[in-house]
PDB file of N, CA and C in Angstrom:
ATOM      1  N   UNK A   1       0.854  -1.171   0.000  1.00  0.00           N
ATOM      2  CA  UNK A   1       0.000   0.000   0.000  1.00  0.00           C
ATOM      3  C   UNK A   1       0.900   1.234   0.000  1.00  0.00           C
ATOM      4  N   UNK A   2       0.652   2.121  -0.913  1.00  0.00           N
ATOM      5  CA  UNK A   2       1.400   3.371  -0.977  1.00  0.00           C
ATOM      6  C   UNK A   2       0.687   4.421  -0.122  1.00  0.00           C
ATOM      7  N   UNK A   3       1.442   5.069   0.772  1.00  0.00           N
ATOM      8  CA  UNK A   3       0.899   6.106   1.641  1.00  0.00           C
ATOM      9  C   UNK A   3       1.649   7.398   1.344  1.00  0.00           C
ATOM     10  N   UNK A   4       0.905   8.460   1.028  1.00  0.00           N
ATOM     11  CA  UNK A   4       1.519   9.749   0.698  1.00  0.00           C
ATOM     12  C   UNK A   4       0.885  10.852   1.535  1.00  0.00           C
ATOM     13  N   UNK A   5       1.707  11.803   1.980  1.00  0.00           N
ATOM     14  CA  UNK A   5       1.252  12.951   2.759  1.00  0.00           C
ATOM     15  C   UNK A   5       1.489  14.211   1.934  1.00  0.00           C
ATOM     16  N   UNK A   6       0.426  15.021   1.789  1.00  0.00           N
ATOM     17  CA  UNK A   6       0.508  16.235   0.984  1.00  0.00           C
ATOM     18  C   UNK A   6      -0.131  17.395   1.739  1.00  0.00           C
ATOM     19  N   UNK A   7       0.509  18.556   1.658  1.00  0.00           N
ATOM     20  CA  UNK A   7      -0.076  19.763   2.250  1.00  0.00           C
ATOM     21  C   UNK A   7      -0.982  20.421   1.210  1.00  0.00           C
ATOM     22  N   UNK A   8      -2.189  20.773   1.640  1.00  0.00           N
ATOM     23  CA  UNK A   8      -3.140  21.465   0.778  1.00  0.00           C
ATOM     24  C   UNK A   8      -3.286  22.893   1.279  1.00  0.00           C
ATOM     25  N   UNK A   9      -3.139  23.849   0.411  1.00  0.00           N
ATOM     26  CA  UNK A   9      -3.313  25.249   0.798  1.00  0.00           C
ATOM     27  C   UNK A   9      -4.705  25.685   0.367  1.00  0.00           C
ATOM     28  N   UNK A  10      -5.466  26.178   1.327  1.00  0.00           N
ATOM     29  CA  UNK A  10      -6.826  26.643   1.050  1.00  0.00           C
ATOM     30  C   UNK A  10      -6.964  28.062   1.570  1.00  0.00           C
ATOM     31  N   UNK A  11      -8.073  28.696   1.220  1.00  0.00           N
ATOM     32  CA  UNK A  11      -8.322  30.072   1.670  1.00  0.00           C
ATOM     33  C   UNK A  11      -8.297  30.191   3.184  1.00  0.00           C
ATOM     34  N   UNK A  12      -8.815  29.192   3.869  1.00  0.00           N
ATOM     35  CA  UNK A  12      -8.897  29.248   5.331  1.00  0.00           C
ATOM     36  C   UNK A  12      -7.701  28.568   6.002  1.00  0.00           C
ATOM     37  N   UNK A  13      -6.592  28.411   5.291  1.00  0.00           N
ATOM     38  CA  UNK A  13      -5.376  27.838   5.875  1.00  0.00           C
ATOM     39  C   UNK A  13      -5.005  26.503   5.257  1.00  0.00           C
ATOM     40  N   UNK A  14      -3.978  25.917   5.804  1.00  0.00           N
ATOM     41  CA  UNK A  14      -3.473  24.642   5.289  1.00  0.00           C
ATOM     42  C   UNK A  14      -4.245  23.468   5.879  1.00  0.00           C
ATOM     43  N   UNK A  15      -4.370  22.440   5.090  1.00  0.00           N
ATOM     44  CA  UNK A  15      -4.889  21.153   5.508  1.00  0.00           C
ATOM     45  C   UNK A  15      -3.895  20.117   5.014  1.00  0.00           C
ATOM     46  N   UNK A  16      -3.983  18.922   5.550  1.00  0.00           N
ATOM     47  CA  UNK A  16      -3.064  17.861   5.181  1.00  0.00           C
ATOM     48  C   UNK A  16      -3.853  16.672   4.674  1.00  0.00           C
ATOM     49  N   UNK A  17      -3.395  16.108   3.591  1.00  0.00           N
ATOM     50  CA  UNK A  17      -4.093  15.013   2.939  1.00  0.00           C
ATOM     51  C   UNK A  17      -3.218  13.766   2.975  1.00  0.00           C
ATOM     52  N   UNK A  18      -3.796  12.677   3.455  1.00  0.00           N
ATOM     53  CA  UNK A  18      -3.128  11.383   3.440  1.00  0.00           C
ATOM     54  C   UNK A  18      -3.813  10.564   2.352  1.00  0.00           C
ATOM     55  N   UNK A  19      -3.019  10.103   1.407  1.00  0.00           N
ATOM     56  CA  UNK A  19      -3.544   9.301   0.303  1.00  0.00           C
ATOM     57  C   UNK A  19      -3.072   7.867   0.492  1.00  0.00           C
ATOM     58  N   UNK A  20      -4.025   6.947   0.524  1.00  0.00           N
ATOM     59  CA  UNK A  20      -3.760   5.520   0.653  1.00  0.00           C
ATOM     60  C   UNK A  20      -4.171   4.874  -0.661  1.00  0.00           C
ATOM     61  N   UNK A  21      -3.229   4.697  -1.549  1.00  0.00           N
ATOM     62  CA  UNK A  21      -3.523   4.270  -2.911  1.00  0.00           C
ATOM     63  C   UNK A  21      -4.529   5.257  -3.504  1.00  0.00           C
ATOM     64  N   UNK A  22      -5.793   4.858  -3.645  1.00  0.00           N
ATOM     65  CA  UNK A  22      -6.790   5.751  -4.239  1.00  0.00           C
ATOM     66  C   UNK A  22      -7.729   6.370  -3.212  1.00  0.00           C
ATOM     67  N   UNK A  23      -7.556   6.050  -1.947  1.00  0.00           N
ATOM     68  CA  UNK A  23      -8.399   6.599  -0.884  1.00  0.00           C
ATOM     69  C   UNK A  23      -7.721   7.821  -0.276  1.00  0.00           C
ATOM     70  N   UNK A  24      -8.510   8.849   0.036  1.00  0.00           N
ATOM     71  CA  UNK A  24      -7.963  10.101   0.552  1.00  0.00           C
ATOM     72  C   UNK A  24      -8.644  10.456   1.877  1.00  0.00           C
ATOM     73  N   UNK A  25      -7.824  10.870   2.857  1.00  0.00           N
ATOM     74  CA  UNK A  25      -8.323  11.337   4.145  1.00  0.00           C
ATOM     75  C   UNK A  25      -7.667  12.689   4.408  1.00  0.00           C
ATOM     76  N   UNK A  26      -8.464  13.701   4.786  1.00  0.00           N
ATOM     77  CA  UNK A  26      -7.953  15.048   5.004  1.00  0.00           C
ATOM     78  C   UNK A  26      -7.958  15.377   6.495  1.00  0.00           C
ATOM     79  N   UNK A  27      -6.889  16.052   6.950  1.00  0.00           N
ATOM     80  CA  UNK A  27      -6.731  16.430   8.352  1.00  0.00           C
ATOM     81  C   UNK A  27      -6.478  17.928   8.462  1.00  0.00           C
ATOM     82  N   UNK A  28      -6.791  18.495   9.625  1.00  0.00           N
ATOM     83  CA  UNK A  28      -6.583  19.928   9.853  1.00  0.00           C
ATOM     84  C   UNK A  28      -5.127  20.261  10.120  1.00  0.00           C
ATOM     85  N   UNK A  29      -4.393  19.328  10.726  1.00  0.00           N
ATOM     86  CA  UNK A  29      -2.998  19.615  11.076  1.00  0.00           C
ATOM     87  C   UNK A  29      -2.077  18.508  10.581  1.00  0.00           C
ATOM     88  N   UNK A  30      -0.817  18.871  10.422  1.00  0.00           N
ATOM     89  CA  UNK A  30       0.189  17.881  10.024  1.00  0.00           C
ATOM     90  C   UNK A  30       0.337  16.809  11.099  1.00  0.00           C
ATOM     91  N   UNK A  31       0.268  17.212  12.360  1.00  0.00           N
ATOM     92  CA  UNK A  31       0.410  16.259  13.466  1.00  0.00           C
ATOM     93  C   UNK A  31      -0.677  15.190  13.434  1.00  0.00           C
ATOM     94  N   UNK A  32      -1.927  15.596  13.153  1.00  0.00           N
ATOM     95  CA  UNK A  32      -3.026  14.630  13.050  1.00  0.00           C
ATOM     96  C   UNK A  32      -2.784  13.660  11.901  1.00  0.00           C
ATOM     97  N   UNK A  33      -2.339  14.187  10.777  1.00  0.00           N
ATOM     98  CA  UNK A  33      -2.091  13.348   9.603  1.00  0.00           C
ATOM     99  C   UNK A  33      -0.967  12.357   9.877  1.00  0.00           C
ATOM    100  N   UNK A  34       0.105  12.821  10.488  1.00  0.00           N
ATOM    101  CA  UNK A  34       1.244  11.933  10.784  1.00  0.00           C
ATOM    102  C   UNK A  34       0.875  10.881  11.822  1.00  0.00           C
ATOM    103  N   UNK A  35       0.050  11.233  12.799  1.00  0.00           N
ATOM    104  CA  UNK A  35      -0.413  10.262  13.800  1.00  0.00           C
ATOM    105  C   UNK A  35      -1.257   9.177  13.123  1.00  0.00           C
ATOM    106  N   UNK A  36      -2.099   9.571  12.192  1.00  0.00           N
ATOM    107  CA  UNK A  36      -2.916   8.619  11.436  1.00  0.00           C
ATOM    108  C   UNK A  36      -2.021   7.658  10.650  1.00  0.00           C
ATOM    109  N   UNK A  37      -1.013   8.198   9.983  1.00  0.00           N
ATOM    110  CA  UNK A  37      -0.089   7.371   9.206  1.00  0.00           C
ATOM    111  C   UNK A  37       0.646   6.386  10.116  1.00  0.00           C
ATOM    112  N   UNK A  38       1.100   6.861  11.257  1.00  0.00           N
ATOM    113  CA  UNK A  38       1.820   5.997  12.190  1.00  0.00           C
ATOM    114  C   UNK A  38       0.930   4.848  12.669  1.00  0.00           C
ATOM    115  N   UNK A  39      -0.310   5.156  13.021  1.00  0.00           N
ATOM    116  CA  UNK A  39      -1.244   4.119  13.459  1.00  0.00           C
ATOM    117  C   UNK A  39      -1.510   3.124  12.341  1.00  0.00           C
ATOM    118  N   UNK A  40      -1.738   3.633  11.150  1.00  0.00           N
ATOM    119  CA  UNK A  40      -2.009   2.767  10.009  1.00  0.00           C
ATOM    120  C   UNK A  40      -0.825   1.841   9.734  1.00  0.00           C
ATOM    121  N   UNK A  41       0.382   2.393   9.704  1.00  0.00           N
ATOM    122  CA  UNK A  41       1.563   1.577   9.417  1.00  0.00           C
ATOM    123  C   UNK A  41       1.790   0.512  10.485  1.00  0.00           C
ATOM    124  N   UNK A  42       1.536   0.843  11.754  1.00  0.00           N
ATOM    125  CA  UNK A  42       1.722  -0.166  12.804  1.00  0.00           C
ATOM    126  C   UNK A  42       0.679  -1.267  12.692  1.00  0.00           C
ATOM    127  N   UNK A  43      -0.533  -0.920  12.293  1.00  0.00           N
ATOM    128  CA  UNK A  43      -1.568  -1.944  12.111  1.00  0.00           C
ATOM    129  C   UNK A  43      -1.270  -2.824  10.905  1.00  0.00           C
ATOM    130  N   UNK A  44      -0.768  -2.238   9.851  1.00  0.00           N
ATOM    131  CA  UNK A  44      -0.416  -3.026   8.673  1.00  0.00           C
ATOM    132  C   UNK A  44       0.750  -3.976   8.964  1.00  0.00           C
ATOM    133  N   UNK A  45       1.677  -3.557   9.810  1.00  0.00           N
ATOM    134  CA  UNK A  45       2.848  -4.367  10.134  1.00  0.00           C
ATOM    135  C   UNK A  45       2.552  -5.438  11.186  1.00  0.00           C
ATOM    136  N   UNK A  46       1.426  -5.321  11.870  1.00  0.00           N
ATOM    137  CA  UNK A  46       1.087  -6.277  12.924  1.00  0.00           C
ATOM    138  C   UNK A  46       0.814  -7.659  12.328  1.00  0.00           C
ATOM    139  N   UNK A  47       1.114  -8.713  13.097  1.00  0.00           N
ATOM    140  CA  UNK A  47       0.819 -10.056  12.597  1.00  0.00           C
ATOM    141  C   UNK A  47      -0.691 -10.258  12.474  1.00  0.00           C
ATOM    142  N   UNK A  48      -1.082 -10.955  11.445  1.00  0.00           N
ATOM    143  CA  UNK A  48      -2.495 -11.230  11.205  1.00  0.00           C
ATOM    144  C   UNK A  48      -2.686 -12.730  11.028  1.00  0.00           C
ATOM    145  N   UNK A  49      -3.740 -13.251  11.604  1.00  0.00           N
ATOM    146  CA  UNK A  49      -4.083 -14.661  11.446  1.00  0.00           C
ATOM    147  C   UNK A  49      -5.289 -14.781  10.530  1.00  0.00           C
ATOM    148  N   UNK A  50      -5.269 -15.818   9.727  1.00  0.00           N
ATOM    149  CA  UNK A  50      -6.436 -16.111   8.912  1.00  0.00           C
ATOM    150  C   UNK A  50      -7.502 -16.753   9.787  1.00  0.00           C
ATOM    151  N   UNK A  51      -8.778 -16.490   9.499  1.00  0.00           N
ATOM    152  CA  UNK A  51      -9.835 -17.192  10.233  1.00  0.00           C
ATOM    153  C   UNK A  51      -9.675 -18.701  10.052  1.00  0.00           C
ATOM    154  N   UNK A  52     -10.164 -19.478  11.003  1.00  0.00           N
ATOM    155  CA  UNK A  52      -9.981 -20.925  11.015  1.00  0.00           C
ATOM    156  C   UNK A  52     -10.392 -21.582   9.708  1.00  0.00           C
ATOM    157  N   UNK A  53     -11.540 -21.214   9.140  1.00  0.00           N
ATOM    158  CA  UNK A  53     -12.005 -21.819   7.883  1.00  0.00           C
ATOM    159  C   UNK A  53     -11.017 -21.592   6.749  1.00  0.00           C
ATOM    160  N   UNK A  54     -10.483 -20.396   6.643  1.00  0.00           N
ATOM    161  CA  UNK A  54      -9.537 -20.102   5.571  1.00  0.00           C
ATOM    162  C   UNK A  54      -8.219 -20.829   5.794  1.00  0.00           C
ATOM    163  N   UNK A  55      -7.819 -21.036   7.049  1.00  0.00           N
ATOM    164  CA  UNK A  55      -6.595 -21.775   7.327  1.00  0.00           C
ATOM    165  C   UNK A  55      -6.746 -23.215   6.856  1.00  0.00           C
ATOM    166  N   UNK A  56      -7.909 -23.820   7.110  1.00  0.00           N
ATOM    167  CA  UNK A  56      -8.143 -25.216   6.694  1.00  0.00           C
ATOM    168  C   UNK A  56      -8.160 -25.315   5.180  1.00  0.00           C
ATOM    169  N   UNK A  57      -8.775 -24.346   4.504  1.00  0.00           N
ATOM    170  CA  UNK A  57      -8.851 -24.382   3.034  1.00  0.00           C
ATOM    171  C   UNK A  57      -7.481 -24.180   2.405  1.00  0.00           C
ATOM    172  N   UNK A  58      -6.610 -23.432   3.067  1.00  0.00           N
ATOM    173  CA  UNK A  58      -5.276 -23.152   2.532  1.00  0.00           C
ATOM    174  C   UNK A  58      -4.371 -24.375   2.631  1.00  0.00           C
ATOM    175  N   UNK A  59      -4.657 -25.266   3.561  1.00  0.00           N
ATOM    176  CA  UNK A  59      -3.815 -26.466   3.745  1.00  0.00           C
ATOM    177  C   UNK A  59      -4.184 -27.489   2.789  1.00  0.00           C
TER     178      UNK A  59
END
């Protein structure tokens, strides 16, 4: 998954956009955007188990 952080300049100030492939999430501050990215990356890196049915089908 490609994650990109971009600053958006608007009339009422800057906003920050996190793009996850084709999905976009906008934040009011850079800190909020970076915290979101950090949480997302840690969840993606966490070990994941397949549900029991899928484990049996994979064997």
